[in-house]
Amino acid sequence: MTARTPTYRDLGLGHRDHPLLGRRVVDHGHGDRIGVLRALAPDAKDNPFDLVVAVPDTPPVAWLAPPGGGREWTTALEAIEEVAP
């Protein structure tokens, strides 16, 4: 059996599909904070003009939001896993 790198379907504008989209996840990169995976997309934080005119050529990151709403944060995709039911 050969291990394969997972492939994610492109949703456009740099966003990618992921099986945990819309689900609660634990973010091990930020003290096991719980959030809802809202997107898998590049982060344009190095843009000094706050204007995005093209999809950044950077790896995608996980965009998370607090379960009850609030300010989103980003983390490495490898840092998240689904919250056990």
Protein backbone atom coordinates (compact mmCIF):
# COMPACT_ATOMS: atom_id res chain seq x y z
CA MET A 1 0.00 0.00 0.00
CA THR A 2 1.32 3.43 -0.91
CA ALA A 3 0.67 6.50 1.25
CA ARG A 4 -0.82 9.40 -0.69
CA THR A 5 -0.86 13.08 0.09
CA PRO A 6 -4.47 14.20 0.55
CA THR A 7 -5.84 16.30 -2.26
CA TYR A 8 -8.29 19.10 -1.67
CA ARG A 9 -10.81 20.35 -4.21
CA ASP A 10 -10.28 23.97 -5.24
CA LEU A 11 -13.31 26.13 -4.36
CA GLY A 12 -11.97 29.29 -6.00
CA LEU A 13 -10.24 32.45 -4.79
CA GLY A 14 -7.62 30.33 -3.04
CA HIS A 15 -10.14 28.46 -0.89
CA ARG A 16 -10.02 24.67 -0.69
CA ASP A 17 -12.50 22.04 0.38
CA HIS A 18 -11.83 20.11 3.61
CA PRO A 19 -13.84 17.38 5.36
CA LEU A 20 -13.94 19.38 8.63
CA LEU A 21 -15.36 22.62 7.17
CA GLY A 22 -18.15 23.86 9.44
CA ARG A 23 -17.19 21.50 12.25
CA ARG A 24 -15.79 22.13 15.71
CA VAL A 25 -12.06 21.50 15.92
CA VAL A 26 -9.37 21.80 18.57
CA ASP A 27 -6.43 24.03 17.67
CA HIS A 28 -3.32 22.50 19.24
CA GLY A 29 -1.26 25.43 17.93
CA HIS A 30 -3.10 27.88 20.21
CA GLY A 31 -3.41 26.14 23.58
CA ASP A 32 -6.08 23.63 22.52
CA ARG A 33 -8.52 26.42 21.76
CA ILE A 34 -11.85 25.23 20.32
CA GLY A 35 -13.14 26.78 17.12
CA VAL A 36 -15.22 26.13 14.01
CA LEU A 37 -13.25 25.55 10.81
CA ARG A 38 -14.57 28.29 8.53
CA ALA A 39 -12.10 28.08 5.63
CA LEU A 40 -8.90 26.60 4.30
CA ALA A 41 -7.25 29.44 2.39
CA PRO A 42 -4.03 31.48 2.14
CA ASP A 43 -3.43 34.31 4.61
CA ALA A 44 -2.59 37.69 3.10
CA LYS A 45 -1.25 39.13 6.37
CA ASP A 46 1.98 40.32 4.73
CA ASN A 47 0.00 42.68 2.48
CA PRO A 48 0.79 46.24 3.71
CA PHE A 49 -2.11 47.77 1.74
CA ASP A 50 -4.98 45.60 3.06
CA LEU A 51 -5.95 45.09 -0.56
CA VAL A 52 -6.03 41.65 -2.13
CA VAL A 53 -6.04 41.73 -5.92
CA ALA A 54 -4.75 38.19 -6.46
CA VAL A 55 -4.68 34.93 -4.54
CA PRO A 56 -1.52 34.97 -2.39
CA ASP A 57 1.10 32.43 -3.40
CA THR A 58 1.37 30.98 0.10
CA PRO A 59 0.28 27.66 1.60
CA PRO A 60 -3.30 27.60 2.89
CA VAL A 61 -3.98 27.91 6.60
CA ALA A 62 -7.01 26.97 8.67
CA TRP A 63 -9.34 29.86 9.44
CA LEU A 64 -11.19 29.29 12.72
CA ALA A 65 -13.96 31.18 14.51
CA PRO A 66 -15.12 30.86 18.12
CA PRO A 67 -18.16 28.53 18.33
CA GLY A 68 -20.41 31.35 19.57
CA GLY A 69 -19.12 33.87 17.05
CA GLY A 70 -16.38 36.44 17.29
CA ARG A 71 -13.02 37.26 15.77
CA GLU A 72 -11.45 34.62 13.51
CA TRP A 73 -7.88 33.43 13.83
CA THR A 74 -5.58 31.34 11.67
CA THR A 75 -3.50 28.29 12.44
CA ALA A 76 -1.55 25.61 10.62
CA LEU A 77 -3.73 22.91 9.09
CA GLU A 78 -1.61 20.29 10.87
CA ALA A 79 -2.54 21.84 14.24
CA ILE A 80 -6.24 21.03 14.09
CA GLU A 81 -8.30 17.93 14.68
CA GLU A 82 -12.02 17.33 15.07
CA VAL A 83 -13.45 17.68 18.56
CA ALA A 84 -14.59 14.30 19.86
CA PRO A 85 -18.40 14.08 20.08
